[in-house]
């Protein structure tokens, strides 16, 4: 469980680092940008994304994102 919390913190940190601030105060980036930023240190990006979405920390279309197919999907860190 501790690992999941660490991974969530790393994901949110990555979004803050590479994302672009939106007019509503949220921060958005694409799945590809997050994938490339976190591939060396997040084992289960999809699991971490789903967990963050369930906790209403982020939002994105769909449930499972696949590299290539969903590269341009926006992932938004909610304000």
C-alpha atoms as a PDB file:
ATOM      1  CA  UNK A   1       0.000   0.000   0.000  1.00  0.00           C
ATOM      2  CA  UNK A   2       2.883   2.347   0.771  1.00  0.00           C
ATOM      3  CA  UNK A   3       4.241   1.802  -2.738  1.00  0.00           C
ATOM      4  CA  UNK A   4       0.919   2.912  -4.228  1.00  0.00           C
ATOM      5  CA  UNK A   5       1.041   6.177  -2.258  1.00  0.00           C
ATOM      6  CA  UNK A   6       4.616   6.809  -3.414  1.00  0.00           C
ATOM      7  CA  UNK A   7       3.692   6.098  -7.037  1.00  0.00           C
ATOM      8  CA  UNK A   8       0.699   8.430  -6.808  1.00  0.00           C
ATOM      9  CA  UNK A   9       2.907  11.217  -5.429  1.00  0.00           C
ATOM     10  CA  UNK A  10       5.428  10.657  -8.244  1.00  0.00           C
ATOM     11  CA  UNK A  11       2.666  10.775 -10.868  1.00  0.00           C
ATOM     12  CA  UNK A  12       1.216  14.018  -9.522  1.00  0.00           C
ATOM     13  CA  UNK A  13       4.712  15.520  -9.330  1.00  0.00           C
ATOM     14  CA  UNK A  14       5.347  14.584 -12.970  1.00  0.00           C
ATOM     15  CA  UNK A  15       2.081  16.186 -14.098  1.00  0.00           C
ATOM     16  CA  UNK A  16       2.957  19.378 -12.220  1.00  0.00           C
ATOM     17  CA  UNK A  17       6.412  19.388 -13.823  1.00  0.00           C
ATOM     18  CA  UNK A  18       5.406  18.829 -17.456  1.00  0.00           C
ATOM     19  CA  UNK A  19       1.781  19.953 -17.563  1.00  0.00           C
ATOM     20  CA  UNK A  20       0.391  23.252 -18.797  1.00  0.00           C
ATOM     21  CA  UNK A  21      -1.831  25.395 -16.586  1.00  0.00           C
ATOM     22  CA  UNK A  22      -5.379  25.793 -17.894  1.00  0.00           C
ATOM     23  CA  UNK A  23      -7.701  28.794 -17.392  1.00  0.00           C
ATOM     24  CA  UNK A  24      -9.735  26.893 -14.774  1.00  0.00           C
ATOM     25  CA  UNK A  25      -6.639  26.300 -12.625  1.00  0.00           C
ATOM     26  CA  UNK A  26      -6.184  22.674 -13.625  1.00  0.00           C
ATOM     27  CA  UNK A  27      -2.977  21.362 -15.189  1.00  0.00           C
ATOM     28  CA  UNK A  28      -3.086  19.160 -18.294  1.00  0.00           C
ATOM     29  CA  UNK A  29      -0.658  17.032 -20.246  1.00  0.00           C
ATOM     30  CA  UNK A  30      -0.914  14.084 -22.611  1.00  0.00           C
ATOM     31  CA  UNK A  31      -0.607  10.401 -21.832  1.00  0.00           C
ATOM     32  CA  UNK A  32       2.502  10.197 -24.033  1.00  0.00           C
ATOM     33  CA  UNK A  33       4.226  13.009 -22.130  1.00  0.00           C
ATOM     34  CA  UNK A  34       3.460  11.344 -18.799  1.00  0.00           C
ATOM     35  CA  UNK A  35       4.539   7.949 -20.130  1.00  0.00           C
ATOM     36  CA  UNK A  36       7.879   9.320 -21.333  1.00  0.00           C
ATOM     37  CA  UNK A  37       8.446  11.268 -18.100  1.00  0.00           C
ATOM     38  CA  UNK A  38       7.671   8.365 -15.753  1.00  0.00           C
ATOM     39  CA  UNK A  39       8.648   5.202 -17.658  1.00  0.00           C
ATOM     40  CA  UNK A  40      11.943   4.825 -15.798  1.00  0.00           C
ATOM     41  CA  UNK A  41      10.455   4.968 -12.296  1.00  0.00           C
ATOM     42  CA  UNK A  42       6.734   4.075 -12.354  1.00  0.00           C
ATOM     43  CA  UNK A  43       6.160   0.326 -12.695  1.00  0.00           C
ATOM     44  CA  UNK A  44       2.426   0.453 -13.264  1.00  0.00           C
ATOM     45  CA  UNK A  45       1.500   3.744 -14.861  1.00  0.00           C
ATOM     46  CA  UNK A  46      -1.999   2.572 -15.762  1.00  0.00           C
ATOM     47  CA  UNK A  47      -2.674   1.308 -12.245  1.00  0.00           C
ATOM     48  CA  UNK A  48      -1.473   4.591 -10.788  1.00  0.00           C
ATOM     49  CA  UNK A  49      -3.556   6.605 -13.281  1.00  0.00           C
ATOM     50  CA  UNK A  50      -6.686   4.596 -12.442  1.00  0.00           C
ATOM     51  CA  UNK A  51      -6.086   5.012  -8.721  1.00  0.00           C
ATOM     52  CA  UNK A  52      -5.588   8.787  -9.069  1.00  0.00           C
ATOM     53  CA  UNK A  53      -8.748   9.041 -11.183  1.00  0.00           C
ATOM     54  CA  UNK A  54     -10.745   7.049  -8.629  1.00  0.00           C
ATOM     55  CA  UNK A  55      -9.513   9.441  -5.898  1.00  0.00           C
ATOM     56  CA  UNK A  56     -10.586  12.372  -8.113  1.00  0.00           C
ATOM     57  CA  UNK A  57      -7.069  13.806  -8.265  1.00  0.00           C
ATOM     58  CA  UNK A  58      -6.938  13.573 -12.074  1.00  0.00           C
ATOM     59  CA  UNK A  59      -9.350  13.098 -14.939  1.00  0.00           C
ATOM     60  CA  UNK A  60      -9.055  11.533 -18.394  1.00  0.00           C
ATOM     61  CA  UNK A  61     -11.311   9.862 -20.968  1.00  0.00           C
ATOM     62  CA  UNK A  62     -11.604   6.098 -20.730  1.00  0.00           C
ATOM     63  CA  UNK A  63     -10.340   3.521 -18.265  1.00  0.00           C
ATOM     64  CA  UNK A  64      -7.176   1.995 -19.732  1.00  0.00           C
ATOM     65  CA  UNK A  65      -4.682   4.022 -21.757  1.00  0.00           C
ATOM     66  CA  UNK A  66      -2.390   2.318 -24.251  1.00  0.00           C
ATOM     67  CA  UNK A  67       0.823   3.726 -25.680  1.00  0.00           C
ATOM     68  CA  UNK A  68       0.368   4.563 -29.341  1.00  0.00           C
ATOM     69  CA  UNK A  69      -3.406   4.373 -29.330  1.00  0.00           C
ATOM     70  CA  UNK A  70      -3.967   6.941 -26.556  1.00  0.00           C
ATOM     71  CA  UNK A  71      -0.810   9.089 -26.814  1.00  0.00           C
ATOM     72  CA  UNK A  72      -2.816  12.302 -27.293  1.00  0.00           C
ATOM     73  CA  UNK A  73      -5.345  11.642 -24.522  1.00  0.00           C
ATOM     74  CA  UNK A  74      -5.360  14.591 -22.127  1.00  0.00           C
ATOM     75  CA  UNK A  75      -4.781  13.875 -18.471  1.00  0.00           C
ATOM     76  CA  UNK A  76      -5.818  16.700 -16.191  1.00  0.00           C
ATOM     77  CA  UNK A  77      -4.669  17.318 -12.633  1.00  0.00           C
ATOM     78  CA  UNK A  78      -7.780  18.710 -10.992  1.00  0.00           C
ATOM     79  CA  UNK A  79      -7.527  21.995  -9.049  1.00  0.00           C
END
